[in-house]
């Protein structure tokens, strides 16, 4: 029985996803959510691969919107069908930078989650993150409007007014910001699904926040009071999601595509995956990584 489920959110790069999945199925099963805006036929090469599962409950994912959390939870629900011990959340632009047996051993070395985060407060260094929670954002509505000049003008106007209002924030909640790409145990996954379905107070607040996927897992687990729902709180005044990376090498720009020139840096890292890569800029890097770790 495979003990690991790799759950992947993707919207493009079918060749890259095929390559990633073919490595990961050596040590676990792979569950994939393809953005509902994407023509899934471009991923047909993955359809007949054993231990790769596409979920049918697809969401149209919008940048910084609640839709990212909804798509993630849909993957959680699909992967709960088998008794996996660990669930590894990845994007379609990630790639392993260690051998698969090393990755397997690292993930199954204990029963703990690999989830980092920083407590959000009103200090100057954390204020923007508090605003992301306390103000109203409607990025999923923005996504429906399209990309015309008129739609952009409507979005800007709507955003200007909506962010002037603030939610009533429960002072007893410990809000935590981090990267959603992480490793969680089964108890934590079940708790996250329940929190989403039951629309607890944290879920209600985050639904109309900015980039709620960067708060949902960390904040729900931190406030669950269950020791098995552990997270690692980082004592840092620095900002940036890359500082809170769990199992990934992530550039501080959050937009860099890694290339062959980064090979030595990646190989020496203690992380398991790199984010971001694509076939245009990264193919020679991927070839070299496969050569080293095959």
C-alpha atoms as a PDB file:
ATOM      1  CA  UNK A   1       0.000   0.000   0.000  1.00  0.00           C
ATOM      2  CA  UNK A   2       1.313   3.435  -0.935  1.00  0.00           C
ATOM      3  CA  UNK A   3       1.608   5.633   2.129  1.00  0.00           C
ATOM      4  CA  UNK A   4       2.020   8.966   0.314  1.00  0.00           C
ATOM      5  CA  UNK A   5      -0.460  10.933  -1.795  1.00  0.00           C
ATOM      6  CA  UNK A   6       0.977  13.754  -3.888  1.00  0.00           C
ATOM      7  CA  UNK A   7      -1.764  16.293  -4.583  1.00  0.00           C
ATOM      8  CA  UNK A   8      -1.052  18.723  -7.400  1.00  0.00           C
ATOM      9  CA  UNK A   9      -2.784  21.931  -8.486  1.00  0.00           C
ATOM     10  CA  UNK A  10      -2.015  22.639 -12.149  1.00  0.00           C
ATOM     11  CA  UNK A  11      -3.238  24.820 -14.990  1.00  0.00           C
ATOM     12  CA  UNK A  12      -0.576  24.490 -17.704  1.00  0.00           C
ATOM     13  CA  UNK A  13       2.717  22.767 -18.601  1.00  0.00           C
ATOM     14  CA  UNK A  14       1.371  19.267 -19.427  1.00  0.00           C
ATOM     15  CA  UNK A  15       4.841  17.997 -20.432  1.00  0.00           C
ATOM     16  CA  UNK A  16       6.290  19.121 -17.119  1.00  0.00           C
ATOM     17  CA  UNK A  17       3.430  17.591 -15.146  1.00  0.00           C
ATOM     18  CA  UNK A  18       3.868  14.293 -16.983  1.00  0.00           C
ATOM     19  CA  UNK A  19       7.536  14.277 -16.140  1.00  0.00           C
ATOM     20  CA  UNK A  20       6.930  15.121 -12.483  1.00  0.00           C
ATOM     21  CA  UNK A  21       4.193  12.518 -12.086  1.00  0.00           C
ATOM     22  CA  UNK A  22       6.338   9.779 -13.610  1.00  0.00           C
ATOM     23  CA  UNK A  23       8.934  10.372 -10.917  1.00  0.00           C
ATOM     24  CA  UNK A  24       6.504  10.633  -8.028  1.00  0.00           C
ATOM     25  CA  UNK A  25       4.490   7.478  -8.803  1.00  0.00           C
ATOM     26  CA  UNK A  26       7.581   5.487  -7.888  1.00  0.00           C
ATOM     27  CA  UNK A  27       6.905   6.323  -4.236  1.00  0.00           C
ATOM     28  CA  UNK A  28       3.226   7.288  -4.047  1.00  0.00           C
ATOM     29  CA  UNK A  29      -0.043   8.050  -5.793  1.00  0.00           C
ATOM     30  CA  UNK A  30      -0.660  11.326  -7.618  1.00  0.00           C
ATOM     31  CA  UNK A  31      -3.925  13.311  -7.534  1.00  0.00           C
ATOM     32  CA  UNK A  32      -4.290  16.225  -9.942  1.00  0.00           C
ATOM     33  CA  UNK A  33      -6.648  19.196 -10.135  1.00  0.00           C
ATOM     34  CA  UNK A  34      -6.644  20.994 -13.476  1.00  0.00           C
ATOM     35  CA  UNK A  35      -8.023  24.530 -13.445  1.00  0.00           C
ATOM     36  CA  UNK A  36     -11.526  24.475 -14.943  1.00  0.00           C
ATOM     37  CA  UNK A  37     -10.493  27.224 -17.379  1.00  0.00           C
ATOM     38  CA  UNK A  38      -7.906  24.875 -18.925  1.00  0.00           C
ATOM     39  CA  UNK A  39      -8.639  22.395 -21.709  1.00  0.00           C
ATOM     40  CA  UNK A  40      -7.938  19.126 -19.928  1.00  0.00           C
ATOM     41  CA  UNK A  41      -7.380  17.285 -23.211  1.00  0.00           C
ATOM     42  CA  UNK A  42      -3.840  18.685 -23.317  1.00  0.00           C
ATOM     43  CA  UNK A  43      -3.068  16.419 -20.341  1.00  0.00           C
ATOM     44  CA  UNK A  44      -4.302  13.237 -22.040  1.00  0.00           C
ATOM     45  CA  UNK A  45      -0.827  11.639 -21.904  1.00  0.00           C
ATOM     46  CA  UNK A  46      -1.296  11.335 -18.136  1.00  0.00           C
ATOM     47  CA  UNK A  47      -4.732   9.768 -18.322  1.00  0.00           C
ATOM     48  CA  UNK A  48      -3.680   6.141 -18.696  1.00  0.00           C
ATOM     49  CA  UNK A  49      -0.800   6.164 -16.230  1.00  0.00           C
ATOM     50  CA  UNK A  50      -1.401   3.890 -13.274  1.00  0.00           C
ATOM     51  CA  UNK A  51      -1.517   5.657  -9.893  1.00  0.00           C
ATOM     52  CA  UNK A  52      -2.306   9.034 -11.467  1.00  0.00           C
ATOM     53  CA  UNK A  53      -5.829  10.318 -10.739  1.00  0.00           C
ATOM     54  CA  UNK A  54      -7.505  13.418 -12.172  1.00  0.00           C
ATOM     55  CA  UNK A  55     -10.301  14.745  -9.989  1.00  0.00           C
ATOM     56  CA  UNK A  56     -13.610  15.603 -11.649  1.00  0.00           C
ATOM     57  CA  UNK A  57     -14.684  18.331  -9.234  1.00  0.00           C
ATOM     58  CA  UNK A  58     -12.719  21.109 -10.927  1.00  0.00           C
ATOM     59  CA  UNK A  59     -12.717  24.762  -9.906  1.00  0.00           C
ATOM     60  CA  UNK A  60     -11.991  27.858 -11.977  1.00  0.00           C
ATOM     61  CA  UNK A  61      -9.055  29.157  -9.943  1.00  0.00           C
ATOM     62  CA  UNK A  62      -8.423  32.902  -9.721  1.00  0.00           C
ATOM     63  CA  UNK A  63      -5.214  34.457  -8.479  1.00  0.00           C
ATOM     64  CA  UNK A  64      -5.429  35.416  -4.767  1.00  0.00           C
ATOM     65  CA  UNK A  65      -8.999  34.125  -4.540  1.00  0.00           C
ATOM     66  CA  UNK A  66     -10.819  31.647  -2.304  1.00  0.00           C
ATOM     67  CA  UNK A  67     -11.088  29.400  -5.356  1.00  0.00           C
ATOM     68  CA  UNK A  68      -7.522  28.243  -4.693  1.00  0.00           C
ATOM     69  CA  UNK A  69      -8.596  26.920  -1.279  1.00  0.00           C
ATOM     70  CA  UNK A  70     -11.688  25.276  -2.785  1.00  0.00           C
ATOM     71  CA  UNK A  71      -9.602  23.471  -5.399  1.00  0.00           C
ATOM     72  CA  UNK A  72      -7.158  22.348  -2.706  1.00  0.00           C
ATOM     73  CA  UNK A  73      -9.929  20.962  -0.489  1.00  0.00           C
ATOM     74  CA  UNK A  74     -11.425  19.125  -3.464  1.00  0.00           C
ATOM     75  CA  UNK A  75      -8.074  17.400  -3.863  1.00  0.00           C
ATOM     76  CA  UNK A  76      -7.999  16.606  -0.140  1.00  0.00           C
ATOM     77  CA  UNK A  77     -11.416  14.977  -0.398  1.00  0.00           C
ATOM     78  CA  UNK A  78     -10.413  12.885  -3.402  1.00  0.00           C
ATOM     79  CA  UNK A  79      -7.213  11.677  -1.748  1.00  0.00           C
ATOM     80  CA  UNK A  80      -9.023  10.659   1.453  1.00  0.00           C
ATOM     81  CA  UNK A  81     -10.411   7.623  -0.336  1.00  0.00           C
ATOM     82  CA  UNK A  82      -7.333   5.572   0.579  1.00  0.00           C
ATOM     83  CA  UNK A  83      -5.524   5.263   3.923  1.00  0.00           C
ATOM     84  CA  UNK A  84      -2.453   7.366   3.143  1.00  0.00           C
ATOM     85  CA  UNK A  85      -0.263   8.511   6.006  1.00  0.00           C
ATOM     86  CA  UNK A  86       1.017  11.722   4.410  1.00  0.00           C
ATOM     87  CA  UNK A  87      -0.274  14.183   1.831  1.00  0.00           C
ATOM     88  CA  UNK A  88       2.148  16.371  -0.117  1.00  0.00           C
ATOM     89  CA  UNK A  89       0.713  19.527  -1.670  1.00  0.00           C
ATOM     90  CA  UNK A  90       2.464  20.660  -4.857  1.00  0.00           C
ATOM     91  CA  UNK A  91       1.874  22.926  -7.820  1.00  0.00           C
ATOM     92  CA  UNK A  92       2.206  22.021 -11.479  1.00  0.00           C
ATOM     93  CA  UNK A  93       5.357  24.135 -11.673  1.00  0.00           C
ATOM     94  CA  UNK A  94       7.323  22.198  -9.057  1.00  0.00           C
ATOM     95  CA  UNK A  95       9.973  19.530  -9.610  1.00  0.00           C
ATOM     96  CA  UNK A  96      11.857  17.120  -7.320  1.00  0.00           C
ATOM     97  CA  UNK A  97      15.448  18.090  -6.536  1.00  0.00           C
ATOM     98  CA  UNK A  98      16.283  14.926  -4.613  1.00  0.00           C
ATOM     99  CA  UNK A  99      16.072  11.227  -5.405  1.00  0.00           C
ATOM    100  CA  UNK A 100      12.626   9.726  -4.920  1.00  0.00           C
ATOM    101  CA  UNK A 101      13.752   7.374  -2.149  1.00  0.00           C
ATOM    102  CA  UNK A 102      15.268  10.317  -0.281  1.00  0.00           C
ATOM    103  CA  UNK A 103      11.963  12.184  -0.671  1.00  0.00           C
ATOM    104  CA  UNK A 104       9.998   9.176   0.552  1.00  0.00           C
ATOM    105  CA  UNK A 105      12.210   8.696   3.607  1.00  0.00           C
ATOM    106  CA  UNK A 106      12.032  12.392   4.481  1.00  0.00           C
ATOM    107  CA  UNK A 107       8.238  12.508   4.232  1.00  0.00           C
ATOM    108  CA  UNK A 108       7.678   9.304   6.216  1.00  0.00           C
ATOM    109  CA  UNK A 109      10.403   9.894   8.816  1.00  0.00           C
ATOM    110  CA  UNK A 110       7.774  10.800  11.440  1.00  0.00           C
ATOM    111  CA  UNK A 111       4.073  11.548  11.860  1.00  0.00           C
ATOM    112  CA  UNK A 112       4.538  15.310  11.902  1.00  0.00           C
ATOM    113  CA  UNK A 113       3.370  17.961   9.469  1.00  0.00           C
ATOM    114  CA  UNK A 114       5.921  20.023   7.561  1.00  0.00           C
ATOM    115  CA  UNK A 115       4.150  23.369   7.787  1.00  0.00           C
ATOM    116  CA  UNK A 116       5.962  26.630   8.561  1.00  0.00           C
ATOM    117  CA  UNK A 117       4.363  29.954   9.348  1.00  0.00           C
ATOM    118  CA  UNK A 118       4.711  33.355  10.995  1.00  0.00           C
ATOM    119  CA  UNK A 119       2.160  34.739  13.426  1.00  0.00           C
ATOM    120  CA  UNK A 120       0.353  37.733  11.947  1.00  0.00           C
ATOM    121  CA  UNK A 121       0.048  40.868  14.074  1.00  0.00           C
ATOM    122  CA  UNK A 122      -0.221  44.624  13.661  1.00  0.00           C
ATOM    123  CA  UNK A 123       3.515  45.310  13.826  1.00  0.00           C
ATOM    124  CA  UNK A 124       4.810  47.292  10.832  1.00  0.00           C
ATOM    125  CA  UNK A 125       6.554  44.233   9.371  1.00  0.00           C
ATOM    126  CA  UNK A 126       3.354  42.143   9.507  1.00  0.00           C
ATOM    127  CA  UNK A 127       0.707  44.797   8.912  1.00  0.00           C
ATOM    128  CA  UNK A 128       0.187  43.973   5.237  1.00  0.00           C
ATOM    129  CA  UNK A 129      -0.614  40.372   6.190  1.00  0.00           C
ATOM    130  CA  UNK A 130      -3.101  41.522   8.815  1.00  0.00           C
ATOM    131  CA  UNK A 131      -4.717  43.731   6.176  1.00  0.00           C
ATOM    132  CA  UNK A 132      -4.987  40.721   3.866  1.00  0.00           C
ATOM    133  CA  UNK A 133      -7.156  39.065   6.512  1.00  0.00           C
ATOM    134  CA  UNK A 134      -9.111  42.017   7.908  1.00  0.00           C
ATOM    135  CA  UNK A 135     -10.029  43.798   4.680  1.00  0.00           C
ATOM    136  CA  UNK A 136     -12.464  42.559   2.039  1.00  0.00           C
ATOM    137  CA  UNK A 137     -11.134  41.172  -1.241  1.00  0.00           C
ATOM    138  CA  UNK A 138     -13.206  39.610  -4.023  1.00  0.00           C
ATOM    139  CA  UNK A 139     -10.708  38.204  -6.483  1.00  0.00           C
ATOM    140  CA  UNK A 140     -12.977  35.372  -7.572  1.00  0.00           C
ATOM    141  CA  UNK A 141     -15.576  37.915  -8.671  1.00  0.00           C
ATOM    142  CA  UNK A 142     -12.821  39.781 -10.504  1.00  0.00           C
ATOM    143  CA  UNK A 143     -11.980  36.620 -12.398  1.00  0.00           C
ATOM    144  CA  UNK A 144     -15.538  36.332 -13.708  1.00  0.00           C
ATOM    145  CA  UNK A 145     -15.431  39.819 -15.222  1.00  0.00           C
ATOM    146  CA  UNK A 146     -12.825  38.956 -17.840  1.00  0.00           C
ATOM    147  CA  UNK A 147      -9.858  40.979 -19.101  1.00  0.00           C
ATOM    148  CA  UNK A 148     -11.389  43.753 -21.210  1.00  0.00           C
ATOM    149  CA  UNK A 149     -10.528  47.382 -20.484  1.00  0.00           C
ATOM    150  CA  UNK A 150     -14.030  47.923 -19.100  1.00  0.00           C
ATOM    151  CA  UNK A 151     -13.688  44.890 -16.832  1.00  0.00           C
ATOM    152  CA  UNK A 152     -10.316  46.136 -15.539  1.00  0.00           C
ATOM    153  CA  UNK A 153     -11.828  49.516 -14.741  1.00  0.00           C
ATOM    154  CA  UNK A 154     -14.727  47.878 -12.892  1.00  0.00           C
ATOM    155  CA  UNK A 155     -12.296  45.686 -10.937  1.00  0.00           C
ATOM    156  CA  UNK A 156     -10.170  48.650  -9.884  1.00  0.00           C
ATOM    157  CA  UNK A 157     -13.215  50.610  -8.752  1.00  0.00           C
ATOM    158  CA  UNK A 158     -14.699  47.639  -6.907  1.00  0.00           C
ATOM    159  CA  UNK A 159     -11.352  46.907  -5.255  1.00  0.00           C
ATOM    160  CA  UNK A 160     -10.955  50.543  -4.164  1.00  0.00           C
ATOM    161  CA  UNK A 161     -14.271  50.553  -2.312  1.00  0.00           C
ATOM    162  CA  UNK A 162     -14.304  46.967  -0.989  1.00  0.00           C
ATOM    163  CA  UNK A 163     -10.918  47.247   0.716  1.00  0.00           C
ATOM    164  CA  UNK A 164     -12.075  50.327   2.640  1.00  0.00           C
ATOM    165  CA  UNK A 165     -14.224  48.094   4.849  1.00  0.00           C
ATOM    166  CA  UNK A 166     -12.861  45.911   7.625  1.00  0.00           C
ATOM    167  CA  UNK A 167     -14.103  42.673   9.137  1.00  0.00           C
ATOM    168  CA  UNK A 168     -14.556  42.080  12.837  1.00  0.00           C
ATOM    169  CA  UNK A 169     -11.558  39.914  13.723  1.00  0.00           C
ATOM    170  CA  UNK A 170     -11.688  37.552  16.689  1.00  0.00           C
ATOM    171  CA  UNK A 171      -8.733  38.553  18.882  1.00  0.00           C
ATOM    172  CA  UNK A 172      -8.454  35.015  20.266  1.00  0.00           C
ATOM    173  CA  UNK A 173      -7.574  33.533  16.859  1.00  0.00           C
ATOM    174  CA  UNK A 174      -3.883  33.064  16.138  1.00  0.00           C
ATOM    175  CA  UNK A 175      -3.581  34.033  12.466  1.00  0.00           C
ATOM    176  CA  UNK A 176      -0.612  32.490  10.676  1.00  0.00           C
ATOM    177  CA  UNK A 177       0.813  33.219   7.223  1.00  0.00           C
ATOM    178  CA  UNK A 178       2.919  30.779   5.211  1.00  0.00           C
ATOM    179  CA  UNK A 179       3.305  28.777   2.026  1.00  0.00           C
ATOM    180  CA  UNK A 180       0.542  26.348   1.137  1.00  0.00           C
ATOM    181  CA  UNK A 181       2.987  23.883  -0.477  1.00  0.00           C
ATOM    182  CA  UNK A 182       3.532  21.554   2.450  1.00  0.00           C
ATOM    183  CA  UNK A 183       3.254  18.054   3.939  1.00  0.00           C
ATOM    184  CA  UNK A 184       0.374  17.159   6.260  1.00  0.00           C
ATOM    185  CA  UNK A 185      -0.684  14.024   8.098  1.00  0.00           C
ATOM    186  CA  UNK A 186      -4.078  12.389   7.799  1.00  0.00           C
ATOM    187  CA  UNK A 187      -5.523  13.807  10.993  1.00  0.00           C
ATOM    188  CA  UNK A 188      -4.650  17.323   9.841  1.00  0.00           C
ATOM    189  CA  UNK A 189      -6.157  16.756   6.401  1.00  0.00           C
ATOM    190  CA  UNK A 190      -9.415  15.507   7.919  1.00  0.00           C
ATOM    191  CA  UNK A 191      -9.537  18.547  10.206  1.00  0.00           C
ATOM    192  CA  UNK A 192      -8.956  20.956   7.310  1.00  0.00           C
ATOM    193  CA  UNK A 193     -11.765  19.394   5.272  1.00  0.00           C
ATOM    194  CA  UNK A 194     -14.115  19.571   8.254  1.00  0.00           C
ATOM    195  CA  UNK A 195     -13.192  23.217   8.926  1.00  0.00           C
ATOM    196  CA  UNK A 196     -13.925  24.077   5.306  1.00  0.00           C
ATOM    197  CA  UNK A 197     -17.210  22.184   5.104  1.00  0.00           C
ATOM    198  CA  UNK A 198     -18.484  23.459   8.456  1.00  0.00           C
ATOM    199  CA  UNK A 199     -17.444  27.038   7.648  1.00  0.00           C
ATOM    200  CA  UNK A 200     -15.839  27.723  11.000  1.00  0.00           C
ATOM    201  CA  UNK A 201     -14.990  31.320  11.935  1.00  0.00           C
ATOM    202  CA  UNK A 202     -11.539  31.177  10.345  1.00  0.00           C
ATOM    203  CA  UNK A 203     -13.009  29.922   7.074  1.00  0.00           C
ATOM    204  CA  UNK A 204     -15.612  32.717   7.047  1.00  0.00           C
ATOM    205  CA  UNK A 205     -12.968  35.408   7.559  1.00  0.00           C
ATOM    206  CA  UNK A 206     -10.516  34.037   5.012  1.00  0.00           C
ATOM    207  CA  UNK A 207     -13.091  33.478   2.268  1.00  0.00           C
ATOM    208  CA  UNK A 208     -13.032  37.179   1.418  1.00  0.00           C
ATOM    209  CA  UNK A 209      -9.354  37.788   2.162  1.00  0.00           C
ATOM    210  CA  UNK A 210      -6.321  38.215  -0.042  1.00  0.00           C
ATOM    211  CA  UNK A 211      -4.474  34.996  -0.997  1.00  0.00           C
ATOM    212  CA  UNK A 212      -6.367  32.902   1.595  1.00  0.00           C
ATOM    213  CA  UNK A 213      -4.440  29.778   0.536  1.00  0.00           C
ATOM    214  CA  UNK A 214      -1.424  31.287   2.338  1.00  0.00           C
ATOM    215  CA  UNK A 215      -3.370  31.377   5.623  1.00  0.00           C
ATOM    216  CA  UNK A 216      -5.920  28.564   5.528  1.00  0.00           C
ATOM    217  CA  UNK A 217      -3.759  25.540   6.394  1.00  0.00           C
ATOM    218  CA  UNK A 218      -1.481  27.287   8.877  1.00  0.00           C
ATOM    219  CA  UNK A 219      -4.214  29.157  10.743  1.00  0.00           C
ATOM    220  CA  UNK A 220      -6.664  26.262  10.944  1.00  0.00           C
ATOM    221  CA  UNK A 221      -4.017  23.892  12.296  1.00  0.00           C
ATOM    222  CA  UNK A 222      -2.551  26.413  14.746  1.00  0.00           C
ATOM    223  CA  UNK A 223      -5.974  26.961  16.304  1.00  0.00           C
ATOM    224  CA  UNK A 224      -7.135  23.339  16.373  1.00  0.00           C
ATOM    225  CA  UNK A 225      -5.516  22.653  19.780  1.00  0.00           C
ATOM    226  CA  UNK A 226      -4.710  19.114  18.627  1.00  0.00           C
ATOM    227  CA  UNK A 227      -1.022  18.179  19.131  1.00  0.00           C
ATOM    228  CA  UNK A 228      -1.035  16.079  15.962  1.00  0.00           C
ATOM    229  CA  UNK A 229      -1.897  19.210  13.957  1.00  0.00           C
ATOM    230  CA  UNK A 230       1.538  20.691  14.529  1.00  0.00           C
ATOM    231  CA  UNK A 231       2.996  23.630  12.660  1.00  0.00           C
ATOM    232  CA  UNK A 232       6.417  25.243  12.993  1.00  0.00           C
ATOM    233  CA  UNK A 233       6.142  28.905  13.954  1.00  0.00           C
ATOM    234  CA  UNK A 234       9.072  30.966  12.693  1.00  0.00           C
ATOM    235  CA  UNK A 235      10.184  33.928  14.813  1.00  0.00           C
ATOM    236  CA  UNK A 236      10.811  36.396  12.019  1.00  0.00           C
ATOM    237  CA  UNK A 237      10.143  40.056  11.352  1.00  0.00           C
ATOM    238  CA  UNK A 238      11.005  39.515   7.699  1.00  0.00           C
ATOM    239  CA  UNK A 239       8.310  39.386   5.066  1.00  0.00           C
ATOM    240  CA  UNK A 240       7.960  37.166   2.046  1.00  0.00           C
ATOM    241  CA  UNK A 241       6.425  33.758   1.472  1.00  0.00           C
ATOM    242  CA  UNK A 242       9.805  32.350   0.412  1.00  0.00           C
ATOM    243  CA  UNK A 243      11.110  32.672   3.999  1.00  0.00           C
ATOM    244  CA  UNK A 244       8.328  30.359   5.179  1.00  0.00           C
ATOM    245  CA  UNK A 245       8.886  27.688   2.511  1.00  0.00           C
ATOM    246  CA  UNK A 246       8.258  24.165   3.802  1.00  0.00           C
ATOM    247  CA  UNK A 247       9.704  21.631   1.366  1.00  0.00           C
ATOM    248  CA  UNK A 248      10.540  23.914  -1.574  1.00  0.00           C
ATOM    249  CA  UNK A 249      13.299  26.153  -2.765  1.00  0.00           C
ATOM    250  CA  UNK A 250      11.395  29.330  -3.665  1.00  0.00           C
ATOM    251  CA  UNK A 251      13.028  32.494  -4.963  1.00  0.00           C
ATOM    252  CA  UNK A 252      12.206  35.667  -3.060  1.00  0.00           C
ATOM    253  CA  UNK A 253      10.695  37.173  -6.219  1.00  0.00           C
ATOM    254  CA  UNK A 254       8.153  34.300  -6.274  1.00  0.00           C
ATOM    255  CA  UNK A 255       8.261  34.545 -10.074  1.00  0.00           C
ATOM    256  CA  UNK A 256      11.728  33.310 -11.039  1.00  0.00           C
ATOM    257  CA  UNK A 257      11.983  30.215 -13.212  1.00  0.00           C
ATOM    258  CA  UNK A 258      15.022  28.179 -12.193  1.00  0.00           C
ATOM    259  CA  UNK A 259      17.481  27.132 -14.888  1.00  0.00           C
ATOM    260  CA  UNK A 260      20.641  25.076 -15.320  1.00  0.00           C
ATOM    261  CA  UNK A 261      22.746  27.862 -13.788  1.00  0.00           C
ATOM    262  CA  UNK A 262      21.016  27.138 -10.464  1.00  0.00           C
ATOM    263  CA  UNK A 263      21.874  23.422 -10.430  1.00  0.00           C
ATOM    264  CA  UNK A 264      24.578  23.483  -7.724  1.00  0.00           C
ATOM    265  CA  UNK A 265      22.473  25.644  -5.439  1.00  0.00           C
ATOM    266  CA  UNK A 266      19.475  23.338  -5.771  1.00  0.00           C
ATOM    267  CA  UNK A 267      21.423  20.106  -5.299  1.00  0.00           C
ATOM    268  CA  UNK A 268      23.033  21.451  -2.107  1.00  0.00           C
ATOM    269  CA  UNK A 269      19.698  22.575  -0.665  1.00  0.00           C
ATOM    270  CA  UNK A 270      18.032  20.500   2.058  1.00  0.00           C
ATOM    271  CA  UNK A 271      14.632  21.075   0.410  1.00  0.00           C
ATOM    272  CA  UNK A 272      12.871  18.381  -1.626  1.00  0.00           C
ATOM    273  CA  UNK A 273      11.363  20.393  -4.517  1.00  0.00           C
ATOM    274  CA  UNK A 274      12.002  23.548  -6.498  1.00  0.00           C
ATOM    275  CA  UNK A 275       9.385  26.145  -7.417  1.00  0.00           C
ATOM    276  CA  UNK A 276       9.147  27.440 -10.188  1.00  0.00           C
ATOM    277  CA  UNK A 277      10.234  25.623 -13.326  1.00  0.00           C
ATOM    278  CA  UNK A 278       8.881  25.348 -16.859  1.00  0.00           C
ATOM    279  CA  UNK A 279       9.923  23.729 -20.106  1.00  0.00           C
ATOM    280  CA  UNK A 280      11.021  26.950 -21.798  1.00  0.00           C
ATOM    281  CA  UNK A 281      13.615  27.969 -19.215  1.00  0.00           C
ATOM    282  CA  UNK A 282      14.198  24.816 -17.176  1.00  0.00           C
ATOM    283  CA  UNK A 283      14.333  21.751 -19.433  1.00  0.00           C
ATOM    284  CA  UNK A 284      18.129  21.396 -19.308  1.00  0.00           C
ATOM    285  CA  UNK A 285      17.977  21.758 -15.525  1.00  0.00           C
ATOM    286  CA  UNK A 286      15.376  18.990 -15.303  1.00  0.00           C
ATOM    287  CA  UNK A 287      17.488  16.759 -17.559  1.00  0.00           C
ATOM    288  CA  UNK A 288      20.479  17.232 -15.286  1.00  0.00           C
ATOM    289  CA  UNK A 289      18.482  16.628 -12.109  1.00  0.00           C
ATOM    290  CA  UNK A 290      17.121  13.392 -13.566  1.00  0.00           C
ATOM    291  CA  UNK A 291      20.637  12.356 -14.518  1.00  0.00           C
ATOM    292  CA  UNK A 292      21.939  12.979 -10.998  1.00  0.00           C
ATOM    293  CA  UNK A 293      19.062  11.445  -9.066  1.00  0.00           C
ATOM    294  CA  UNK A 294      17.774   8.701 -11.364  1.00  0.00           C
END
